[in-house]
């Protein structure tokens, strides 16, 4: 009986210590994420065609959020998608020729 009780107590203590360590490491190794990337990705059509010059819609969304890609770069979504991305980014959308 004592062996079982000891095993249970050790298991609970070990689980508690691991939980505390995970909480500490979560704060130490936190990587900030730009929330605009998710919003832009939700607006994109999700074709992942690569016509914008990025490997897919996720890459294009990250490029727009970082300022490396134009807001009207999605050739599949055209003007409606460009307008929505422009609203998210807070910039005017240039007309595509």
PDB file of N, CA and C in Angstrom:
ATOM      1  N   UNK A   1       0.831  -1.196   0.000  1.00  0.00           N
ATOM      2  CA  UNK A   1       0.000   0.000   0.000  1.00  0.00           C
ATOM      3  C   UNK A   1       0.870   1.251   0.000  1.00  0.00           C
ATOM      4  N   UNK A   2       1.944   1.234   0.784  1.00  0.00           N
ATOM      5  CA  UNK A   2       2.832   2.399   0.867  1.00  0.00           C
ATOM      6  C   UNK A   2       3.531   2.621  -0.471  1.00  0.00           C
ATOM      7  N   UNK A   3       3.874   1.548  -1.159  1.00  0.00           N
ATOM      8  CA  UNK A   3       4.554   1.670  -2.450  1.00  0.00           C
ATOM      9  C   UNK A   3       3.650   2.350  -3.476  1.00  0.00           C
ATOM     10  N   UNK A   4       2.380   1.993  -3.469  1.00  0.00           N
ATOM     11  CA  UNK A   4       1.431   2.610  -4.403  1.00  0.00           C
ATOM     12  C   UNK A   4       1.249   4.083  -4.072  1.00  0.00           C
ATOM     13  N   UNK A   5       1.093   4.396  -2.801  1.00  0.00           N
ATOM     14  CA  UNK A   5       0.925   5.782  -2.373  1.00  0.00           C
ATOM     15  C   UNK A   5       2.159   6.610  -2.718  1.00  0.00           C
ATOM     16  N   UNK A   6       3.329   6.051  -2.529  1.00  0.00           N
ATOM     17  CA  UNK A   6       4.570   6.749  -2.867  1.00  0.00           C
ATOM     18  C   UNK A   6       4.646   7.010  -4.374  1.00  0.00           C
ATOM     19  N   UNK A   7       4.271   6.035  -5.172  1.00  0.00           N
ATOM     20  CA  UNK A   7       4.297   6.197  -6.627  1.00  0.00           C
ATOM     21  C   UNK A   7       3.326   7.283  -7.080  1.00  0.00           C
ATOM     22  N   UNK A   8       2.148   7.323  -6.466  1.00  0.00           N
ATOM     23  CA  UNK A   8       1.154   8.343  -6.816  1.00  0.00           C
ATOM     24  C   UNK A   8       1.656   9.732  -6.434  1.00  0.00           C
ATOM     25  N   UNK A   9       2.210   9.874  -5.248  1.00  0.00           N
ATOM     26  CA  UNK A   9       2.716  11.175  -4.793  1.00  0.00           C
ATOM     27  C   UNK A   9       3.869  11.640  -5.678  1.00  0.00           C
ATOM     28  N   UNK A  10       4.783  10.741  -5.983  1.00  0.00           N
ATOM     29  CA  UNK A  10       5.915  11.099  -6.853  1.00  0.00           C
ATOM     30  C   UNK A  10       5.410  11.509  -8.235  1.00  0.00           C
ATOM     31  N   UNK A  11       4.416  10.816  -8.747  1.00  0.00           N
ATOM     32  CA  UNK A  11       3.862  11.154 -10.061  1.00  0.00           C
ATOM     33  C   UNK A  11       3.233  12.545 -10.051  1.00  0.00           C
ATOM     34  N   UNK A  12       2.463  12.862  -9.005  1.00  0.00           N
ATOM     35  CA  UNK A  12       1.845  14.177  -8.911  1.00  0.00           C
ATOM     36  C   UNK A  12       2.888  15.281  -8.781  1.00  0.00           C
ATOM     37  N   UNK A  13       3.902  15.061  -7.966  1.00  0.00           N
ATOM     38  CA  UNK A  13       4.961  16.064  -7.798  1.00  0.00           C
ATOM     39  C   UNK A  13       5.698  16.270  -9.113  1.00  0.00           C
ATOM     40  N   UNK A  14       6.008  15.192  -9.789  1.00  0.00           N
ATOM     41  CA  UNK A  14       6.704  15.284 -11.068  1.00  0.00           C
ATOM     42  C   UNK A  14       5.850  16.019 -12.105  1.00  0.00           C
ATOM     43  N   UNK A  15       4.571  15.720 -12.152  1.00  0.00           N
ATOM     44  CA  UNK A  15       3.670  16.404 -13.083  1.00  0.00           C
ATOM     45  C   UNK A  15       3.588  17.893 -12.760  1.00  0.00           C
ATOM     46  N   UNK A  16       3.544  18.236 -11.479  1.00  0.00           N
ATOM     47  CA  UNK A  16       3.494  19.640 -11.081  1.00  0.00           C
ATOM     48  C   UNK A  16       4.764  20.376 -11.496  1.00  0.00           C
ATOM     49  N   UNK A  17       5.917  19.766 -11.258  1.00  0.00           N
ATOM     50  CA  UNK A  17       7.199  20.391 -11.615  1.00  0.00           C
ATOM     51  C   UNK A  17       7.296  20.583 -13.128  1.00  0.00           C
ATOM     52  N   UNK A  18       6.903  19.577 -13.881  1.00  0.00           N
ATOM     53  CA  UNK A  18       6.942  19.696 -15.339  1.00  0.00           C
ATOM     54  C   UNK A  18       5.979  20.781 -15.816  1.00  0.00           C
ATOM     55  N   UNK A  19       4.810  20.876 -15.222  1.00  0.00           N
ATOM     56  CA  UNK A  19       3.857  21.922 -15.577  1.00  0.00           C
ATOM     57  C   UNK A  19       4.398  23.311 -15.307  1.00  0.00           C
ATOM     58  N   UNK A  20       5.047  23.492 -14.162  1.00  0.00           N
ATOM     59  CA  UNK A  20       5.645  24.791 -13.832  1.00  0.00           C
ATOM     60  C   UNK A  20       6.755  25.121 -14.823  1.00  0.00           C
ATOM     61  N   UNK A  21       7.597  24.145 -15.135  1.00  0.00           N
ATOM     62  CA  UNK A  21       8.676  24.375 -16.099  1.00  0.00           C
ATOM     63  C   UNK A  21       8.130  24.731 -17.481  1.00  0.00           C
ATOM     64  N   UNK A  22       7.076  24.063 -17.909  1.00  0.00           N
ATOM     65  CA  UNK A  22       6.467  24.397 -19.195  1.00  0.00           C
ATOM     66  C   UNK A  22       5.924  25.822 -19.203  1.00  0.00           C
ATOM     67  N   UNK A  23       5.313  26.236 -18.108  1.00  0.00           N
ATOM     68  CA  UNK A  23       4.824  27.607 -18.006  1.00  0.00           C
ATOM     69  C   UNK A  23       5.943  28.628 -18.070  1.00  0.00           C
ATOM     70  N   UNK A  24       7.056  28.340 -17.417  1.00  0.00           N
ATOM     71  CA  UNK A  24       8.209  29.247 -17.444  1.00  0.00           C
ATOM     72  C   UNK A  24       8.805  29.300 -18.847  1.00  0.00           C
ATOM     73  N   UNK A  25       8.996  28.141 -19.475  1.00  0.00           N
ATOM     74  CA  UNK A  25       9.584  28.101 -20.814  1.00  0.00           C
ATOM     75  C   UNK A  25       8.681  28.761 -21.850  1.00  0.00           C
ATOM     76  N   UNK A  26       7.378  28.697 -21.625  1.00  0.00           N
ATOM     77  CA  UNK A  26       6.444  29.352 -22.538  1.00  0.00           C
ATOM     78  C   UNK A  26       6.684  30.856 -22.552  1.00  0.00           C
ATOM     79  N   UNK A  27       6.957  31.424 -21.405  1.00  0.00           N
ATOM     80  CA  UNK A  27       7.214  32.862 -21.329  1.00  0.00           C
ATOM     81  C   UNK A  27       8.606  33.211 -21.841  1.00  0.00           C
ATOM     82  N   UNK A  28       9.582  32.364 -21.575  1.00  0.00           N
ATOM     83  CA  UNK A  28      10.955  32.641 -22.003  1.00  0.00           C
ATOM     84  C   UNK A  28      11.084  32.562 -23.524  1.00  0.00           C
ATOM     85  N   UNK A  29      10.495  31.553 -24.132  1.00  0.00           N
ATOM     86  CA  UNK A  29      10.662  31.308 -25.559  1.00  0.00           C
ATOM     87  C   UNK A  29       9.482  31.800 -26.391  1.00  0.00           C
ATOM     88  N   UNK A  30       8.731  32.773 -25.899  1.00  0.00           N
ATOM     89  CA  UNK A  30       7.579  33.311 -26.614  1.00  0.00           C
ATOM     90  C   UNK A  30       8.027  34.016 -27.889  1.00  0.00           C
ATOM     91  N   UNK A  31       7.358  33.733 -28.978  1.00  0.00           N
ATOM     92  CA  UNK A  31       7.633  34.384 -30.257  1.00  0.00           C
ATOM     93  C   UNK A  31       6.397  35.200 -30.619  1.00  0.00           C
ATOM     94  N   UNK A  32       6.549  36.526 -30.726  1.00  0.00           N
ATOM     95  CA  UNK A  32       5.387  37.343 -31.068  1.00  0.00           C
ATOM     96  C   UNK A  32       4.924  37.061 -32.505  1.00  0.00           C
ATOM     97  N   UNK A  33       3.621  37.031 -32.695  1.00  0.00           N
ATOM     98  CA  UNK A  33       3.040  36.755 -34.003  1.00  0.00           C
ATOM     99  C   UNK A  33       2.222  37.966 -34.425  1.00  0.00           C
ATOM    100  N   UNK A  34       2.422  38.388 -35.670  1.00  0.00           N
ATOM    101  CA  UNK A  34       1.654  39.508 -36.206  1.00  0.00           C
ATOM    102  C   UNK A  34       0.236  39.016 -36.504  1.00  0.00           C
ATOM    103  N   UNK A  35      -0.742  39.582 -35.841  1.00  0.00           N
ATOM    104  CA  UNK A  35      -2.128  39.135 -35.996  1.00  0.00           C
ATOM    105  C   UNK A  35      -2.684  39.452 -37.378  1.00  0.00           C
ATOM    106  N   UNK A  36      -2.060  40.406 -38.062  1.00  0.00           N
ATOM    107  CA  UNK A  36      -2.540  40.755 -39.400  1.00  0.00           C
ATOM    108  C   UNK A  36      -2.346  39.601 -40.381  1.00  0.00           C
ATOM    109  N   UNK A  37      -1.341  38.765 -40.141  1.00  0.00           N
ATOM    110  CA  UNK A  37      -1.091  37.636 -41.049  1.00  0.00           C
ATOM    111  C   UNK A  37      -2.309  36.716 -41.092  1.00  0.00           C
ATOM    112  N   UNK A  38      -2.871  36.397 -39.956  1.00  0.00           N
ATOM    113  CA  UNK A  38      -4.057  35.539 -39.909  1.00  0.00           C
ATOM    114  C   UNK A  38      -5.266  36.176 -40.562  1.00  0.00           C
ATOM    115  N   UNK A  39      -5.428  37.482 -40.358  1.00  0.00           N
ATOM    116  CA  UNK A  39      -6.559  38.185 -40.972  1.00  0.00           C
ATOM    117  C   UNK A  39      -6.414  38.224 -42.488  1.00  0.00           C
ATOM    118  N   UNK A  40      -5.196  38.497 -42.952  1.00  0.00           N
ATOM    119  CA  UNK A  40      -4.955  38.531 -44.398  1.00  0.00           C
ATOM    120  C   UNK A  40      -5.157  37.141 -44.987  1.00  0.00           C
ATOM    121  N   UNK A  41      -4.668  36.127 -44.307  1.00  0.00           N
ATOM    122  CA  UNK A  41      -4.804  34.750 -44.793  1.00  0.00           C
ATOM    123  C   UNK A  41      -6.269  34.348 -44.900  1.00  0.00           C
ATOM    124  N   UNK A  42      -7.095  34.847 -43.997  1.00  0.00           N
ATOM    125  CA  UNK A  42      -8.522  34.526 -44.035  1.00  0.00           C
ATOM    126  C   UNK A  42      -9.207  35.158 -45.243  1.00  0.00           C
ATOM    127  N   UNK A  43      -8.688  36.286 -45.718  1.00  0.00           N
ATOM    128  CA  UNK A  43      -9.282  36.987 -46.854  1.00  0.00           C
ATOM    129  C   UNK A  43      -8.865  36.348 -48.180  1.00  0.00           C
ATOM    130  N   UNK A  44      -7.672  35.789 -48.228  1.00  0.00           N
ATOM    131  CA  UNK A  44      -7.150  35.223 -49.471  1.00  0.00           C
ATOM    132  C   UNK A  44      -7.961  34.003 -49.910  1.00  0.00           C
ATOM    133  N   UNK A  45      -8.011  33.741 -51.225  1.00  0.00           N
ATOM    134  CA  UNK A  45      -8.838  32.638 -51.721  1.00  0.00           C
ATOM    135  C   UNK A  45      -8.336  31.245 -51.350  1.00  0.00           C
ATOM    136  N   UNK A  46      -7.068  31.100 -51.009  1.00  0.00           N
ATOM    137  CA  UNK A  46      -6.547  29.803 -50.585  1.00  0.00           C
ATOM    138  C   UNK A  46      -6.205  28.858 -51.721  1.00  0.00           C
ATOM    139  N   UNK A  47      -5.935  29.404 -52.890  1.00  0.00           N
ATOM    140  CA  UNK A  47      -5.619  28.579 -54.049  1.00  0.00           C
ATOM    141  C   UNK A  47      -4.183  28.066 -53.988  1.00  0.00           C
ATOM    142  N   UNK A  48      -3.296  28.810 -53.322  1.00  0.00           N
ATOM    143  CA  UNK A  48      -1.873  28.465 -53.210  1.00  0.00           C
ATOM    144  C   UNK A  48      -1.229  28.268 -54.577  1.00  0.00           C
ATOM    145  N   UNK A  49      -1.558  29.175 -55.510  1.00  0.00           N
ATOM    146  CA  UNK A  49      -1.094  29.032 -56.888  1.00  0.00           C
ATOM    147  C   UNK A  49       0.337  29.517 -57.085  1.00  0.00           C
ATOM    148  N   UNK A  50       0.786  30.466 -56.277  1.00  0.00           N
ATOM    149  CA  UNK A  50       2.134  31.004 -56.426  1.00  0.00           C
ATOM    150  C   UNK A  50       2.238  32.100 -57.460  1.00  0.00           C
ATOM    151  N   UNK A  51       1.131  32.559 -58.024  1.00  0.00           N
ATOM    152  CA  UNK A  51       1.167  33.607 -59.042  1.00  0.00           C
ATOM    153  C   UNK A  51       1.646  34.939 -58.479  1.00  0.00           C
ATOM    154  N   UNK A  52       1.577  35.107 -57.187  1.00  0.00           N
ATOM    155  CA  UNK A  52       2.017  36.344 -56.541  1.00  0.00           C
ATOM    156  C   UNK A  52       3.531  36.381 -56.360  1.00  0.00           C
ATOM    157  N   UNK A  53       4.195  35.251 -56.590  1.00  0.00           N
ATOM    158  CA  UNK A  53       5.636  35.179 -56.391  1.00  0.00           C
ATOM    159  C   UNK A  53       6.027  34.540 -55.073  1.00  0.00           C
ATOM    160  N   UNK A  54       5.059  34.187 -54.272  1.00  0.00           N
ATOM    161  CA  UNK A  54       5.300  33.508 -52.999  1.00  0.00           C
ATOM    162  C   UNK A  54       4.854  32.058 -53.135  1.00  0.00           C
ATOM    163  N   UNK A  55       5.376  31.158 -52.309  1.00  0.00           N
ATOM    164  CA  UNK A  55       5.045  29.738 -52.472  1.00  0.00           C
ATOM    165  C   UNK A  55       3.590  29.381 -52.189  1.00  0.00           C
ATOM    166  N   UNK A  56       2.841  30.254 -51.587  1.00  0.00           N
ATOM    167  CA  UNK A  56       1.437  29.979 -51.301  1.00  0.00           C
ATOM    168  C   UNK A  56       0.808  31.168 -50.609  1.00  0.00           C
ATOM    169  N   UNK A  57      -0.432  31.011 -50.221  1.00  0.00           N
ATOM    170  CA  UNK A  57      -1.163  32.111 -49.587  1.00  0.00           C
ATOM    171  C   UNK A  57      -0.579  32.483 -48.223  1.00  0.00           C
ATOM    172  N   UNK A  58      -0.060  31.508 -47.487  1.00  0.00           N
ATOM    173  CA  UNK A  58       0.548  31.809 -46.191  1.00  0.00           C
ATOM    174  C   UNK A  58       1.777  32.689 -46.363  1.00  0.00           C
ATOM    175  N   UNK A  59       2.613  32.368 -47.340  1.00  0.00           N
ATOM    176  CA  UNK A  59       3.805  33.167 -47.603  1.00  0.00           C
ATOM    177  C   UNK A  59       3.456  34.563 -48.071  1.00  0.00           C
ATOM    178  N   UNK A  60       2.438  34.664 -48.913  1.00  0.00           N
ATOM    179  CA  UNK A  60       2.005  35.980 -49.383  1.00  0.00           C
ATOM    180  C   UNK A  60       1.457  36.817 -48.234  1.00  0.00           C
ATOM    181  N   UNK A  61       0.665  36.207 -47.359  1.00  0.00           N
ATOM    182  CA  UNK A  61       0.112  36.936 -46.212  1.00  0.00           C
ATOM    183  C   UNK A  61       1.224  37.453 -45.311  1.00  0.00           C
ATOM    184  N   UNK A  62       2.242  36.639 -45.068  1.00  0.00           N
ATOM    185  CA  UNK A  62       3.378  37.081 -44.255  1.00  0.00           C
ATOM    186  C   UNK A  62       4.144  38.191 -44.959  1.00  0.00           C
ATOM    187  N   UNK A  63       4.278  38.097 -46.279  1.00  0.00           N
ATOM    188  CA  UNK A  63       4.967  39.136 -47.041  1.00  0.00           C
ATOM    189  C   UNK A  63       4.232  40.458 -47.008  1.00  0.00           C
ATOM    190  N   UNK A  64       2.921  40.429 -47.124  1.00  0.00           N
ATOM    191  CA  UNK A  64       2.133  41.668 -47.065  1.00  0.00           C
ATOM    192  C   UNK A  64       2.225  42.277 -45.676  1.00  0.00           C
ATOM    193  N   UNK A  65       2.104  41.461 -44.646  1.00  0.00           N
ATOM    194  CA  UNK A  65       2.148  41.973 -43.272  1.00  0.00           C
ATOM    195  C   UNK A  65       3.499  42.588 -42.947  1.00  0.00           C
ATOM    196  N   UNK A  66       4.571  42.050 -43.532  1.00  0.00           N
ATOM    197  CA  UNK A  66       5.906  42.604 -43.271  1.00  0.00           C
ATOM    198  C   UNK A  66       6.242  43.763 -44.195  1.00  0.00           C
ATOM    199  N   UNK A  67       5.396  44.036 -45.175  1.00  0.00           N
ATOM    200  CA  UNK A  67       5.629  45.153 -46.083  1.00  0.00           C
ATOM    201  C   UNK A  67       6.469  44.796 -47.293  1.00  0.00           C
ATOM    202  N   UNK A  68       6.759  43.530 -47.497  1.00  0.00           N
ATOM    203  CA  UNK A  68       7.595  43.104 -48.622  1.00  0.00           C
ATOM    204  C   UNK A  68       6.785  42.809 -49.882  1.00  0.00           C
ATOM    205  N   UNK A  69       5.492  42.594 -49.737  1.00  0.00           N
ATOM    206  CA  UNK A  69       4.634  42.283 -50.884  1.00  0.00           C
ATOM    207  C   UNK A  69       3.553  43.353 -51.003  1.00  0.00           C
ATOM    208  N   UNK A  70       3.141  43.672 -52.228  1.00  0.00           N
ATOM    209  CA  UNK A  70       2.078  44.670 -52.400  1.00  0.00           C
ATOM    210  C   UNK A  70       0.722  44.104 -51.987  1.00  0.00           C
ATOM    211  N   UNK A  71      -0.149  44.976 -51.541  1.00  0.00           N
ATOM    212  CA  UNK A  71      -1.473  44.522 -51.098  1.00  0.00           C
ATOM    213  C   UNK A  71      -2.312  44.011 -52.262  1.00  0.00           C
ATOM    214  N   UNK A  72      -1.994  44.430 -53.474  1.00  0.00           N
ATOM    215  CA  UNK A  72      -2.749  43.971 -54.638  1.00  0.00           C
ATOM    216  C   UNK A  72      -1.998  42.880 -55.403  1.00  0.00           C
ATOM    217  N   UNK A  73      -1.184  42.112 -54.712  1.00  0.00           N
ATOM    218  CA  UNK A  73      -0.367  41.089 -55.350  1.00  0.00           C
ATOM    219  C   UNK A  73      -1.077  39.783 -55.640  1.00  0.00           C
ATOM    220  N   UNK A  74      -2.240  39.551 -55.062  1.00  0.00           N
ATOM    221  CA  UNK A  74      -2.969  38.304 -55.302  1.00  0.00           C
ATOM    222  C   UNK A  74      -3.698  38.415 -56.639  1.00  0.00           C
ATOM    223  N   UNK A  75      -3.224  37.671 -57.628  1.00  0.00           N
ATOM    224  CA  UNK A  75      -3.812  37.742 -58.963  1.00  0.00           C
ATOM    225  C   UNK A  75      -5.122  36.972 -59.059  1.00  0.00           C
ATOM    226  N   UNK A  76      -5.321  36.005 -58.208  1.00  0.00           N
ATOM    227  CA  UNK A  76      -6.550  35.210 -58.243  1.00  0.00           C
ATOM    228  C   UNK A  76      -7.707  35.987 -57.619  1.00  0.00           C
ATOM    229  N   UNK A  77      -7.457  36.645 -56.497  1.00  0.00           N
ATOM    230  CA  UNK A  77      -8.513  37.357 -55.784  1.00  0.00           C
ATOM    231  C   UNK A  77      -8.887  38.690 -56.396  1.00  0.00           C
ATOM    232  N   UNK A  78      -7.966  39.272 -57.146  1.00  0.00           N
ATOM    233  CA  UNK A  78      -8.163  40.545 -57.838  1.00  0.00           C
ATOM    234  C   UNK A  78      -8.572  41.672 -56.899  1.00  0.00           C
ATOM    235  N   UNK A  79      -9.418  42.579 -57.386  1.00  0.00           N
ATOM    236  CA  UNK A  79      -9.743  43.813 -56.662  1.00  0.00           C
ATOM    237  C   UNK A  79     -10.446  43.587 -55.319  1.00  0.00           C
ATOM    238  N   UNK A  80     -11.416  42.685 -55.204  1.00  0.00           N
ATOM    239  CA  UNK A  80     -12.082  42.529 -53.900  1.00  0.00           C
ATOM    240  C   UNK A  80     -11.123  42.097 -52.786  1.00  0.00           C
ATOM    241  N   UNK A  81     -10.233  41.172 -53.110  1.00  0.00           N
ATOM    242  CA  UNK A  81      -9.265  40.711 -52.115  1.00  0.00           C
ATOM    243  C   UNK A  81      -8.272  41.820 -51.809  1.00  0.00           C
ATOM    244  N   UNK A  82      -7.839  42.546 -52.833  1.00  0.00           N
ATOM    245  CA  UNK A  82      -6.896  43.646 -52.628  1.00  0.00           C
ATOM    246  C   UNK A  82      -7.510  44.726 -51.738  1.00  0.00           C
ATOM    247  N   UNK A  83      -8.782  45.020 -51.943  1.00  0.00           N
ATOM    248  CA  UNK A  83      -9.463  46.021 -51.106  1.00  0.00           C
ATOM    249  C   UNK A  83      -9.530  45.553 -49.657  1.00  0.00           C
ATOM    250  N   UNK A  84      -9.858  44.296 -49.447  1.00  0.00           N
ATOM    251  CA  UNK A  84      -9.951  43.767 -48.083  1.00  0.00           C
ATOM    252  C   UNK A  84      -8.588  43.776 -47.399  1.00  0.00           C
ATOM    253  N   UNK A  85      -7.542  43.412 -48.136  1.00  0.00           N
ATOM    254  CA  UNK A  85      -6.194  43.433 -47.563  1.00  0.00           C
ATOM    255  C   UNK A  85      -5.773  44.865 -47.268  1.00  0.00           C
ATOM    256  N   UNK A  86      -6.123  45.790 -48.160  1.00  0.00           N
ATOM    257  CA  UNK A  86      -5.813  47.200 -47.926  1.00  0.00           C
ATOM    258  C   UNK A  86      -6.476  47.732 -46.665  1.00  0.00           C
ATOM    259  N   UNK A  87      -7.702  47.305 -46.409  1.00  0.00           N
ATOM    260  CA  UNK A  87      -8.390  47.727 -45.183  1.00  0.00           C
ATOM    261  C   UNK A  87      -7.699  47.159 -43.947  1.00  0.00           C
ATOM    262  N   UNK A  88      -7.266  45.912 -44.019  1.00  0.00           N
ATOM    263  CA  UNK A  88      -6.567  45.297 -42.885  1.00  0.00           C
ATOM    264  C   UNK A  88      -5.256  46.015 -42.616  1.00  0.00           C
ATOM    265  N   UNK A  89      -4.526  46.324 -43.684  1.00  0.00           N
ATOM    266  CA  UNK A  89      -3.220  46.969 -43.548  1.00  0.00           C
ATOM    267  C   UNK A  89      -3.335  48.471 -43.323  1.00  0.00           C
ATOM    268  N   UNK A  90      -4.478  49.051 -43.645  1.00  0.00           N
ATOM    269  CA  UNK A  90      -4.663  50.488 -43.466  1.00  0.00           C
ATOM    270  C   UNK A  90      -3.959  51.315 -44.525  1.00  0.00           C
ATOM    271  N   UNK A  91      -3.871  50.772 -45.729  1.00  0.00           N
ATOM    272  CA  UNK A  91      -3.223  51.486 -46.828  1.00  0.00           C
ATOM    273  C   UNK A  91      -4.167  51.522 -48.023  1.00  0.00           C
ATOM    274  N   UNK A  92      -4.028  52.555 -48.869  1.00  0.00           N
ATOM    275  CA  UNK A  92      -4.837  52.574 -50.087  1.00  0.00           C
ATOM    276  C   UNK A  92      -4.325  51.528 -51.073  1.00  0.00           C
ATOM    277  N   UNK A  93      -5.230  51.006 -51.865  1.00  0.00           N
ATOM    278  CA  UNK A  93      -4.865  49.970 -52.832  1.00  0.00           C
ATOM    279  C   UNK A  93      -4.604  50.631 -54.176  1.00  0.00           C
ATOM    280  N   UNK A  94      -3.374  50.500 -54.700  1.00  0.00           N
ATOM    281  CA  UNK A  94      -3.102  51.075 -56.019  1.00  0.00           C
ATOM    282  C   UNK A  94      -3.818  50.281 -57.108  1.00  0.00           C
ATOM    283  N   UNK A  95      -4.221  50.971 -58.157  1.00  0.00           N
ATOM    284  CA  UNK A  95      -4.900  50.304 -59.268  1.00  0.00           C
ATOM    285  C   UNK A  95      -3.894  49.473 -60.047  1.00  0.00           C
ATOM    286  N   UNK A  96      -4.278  48.280 -60.398  1.00  0.00           N
ATOM    287  CA  UNK A  96      -3.407  47.384 -61.156  1.00  0.00           C
ATOM    288  C   UNK A  96      -3.655  47.609 -62.638  1.00  0.00           C
ATOM    289  N   UNK A  97      -2.581  47.718 -63.400  1.00  0.00           N
ATOM    290  CA  UNK A  97      -2.728  47.982 -64.835  1.00  0.00           C
ATOM    291  C   UNK A  97      -2.631  46.720 -65.635  1.00  0.00           C
TER     292      UNK A  97
END
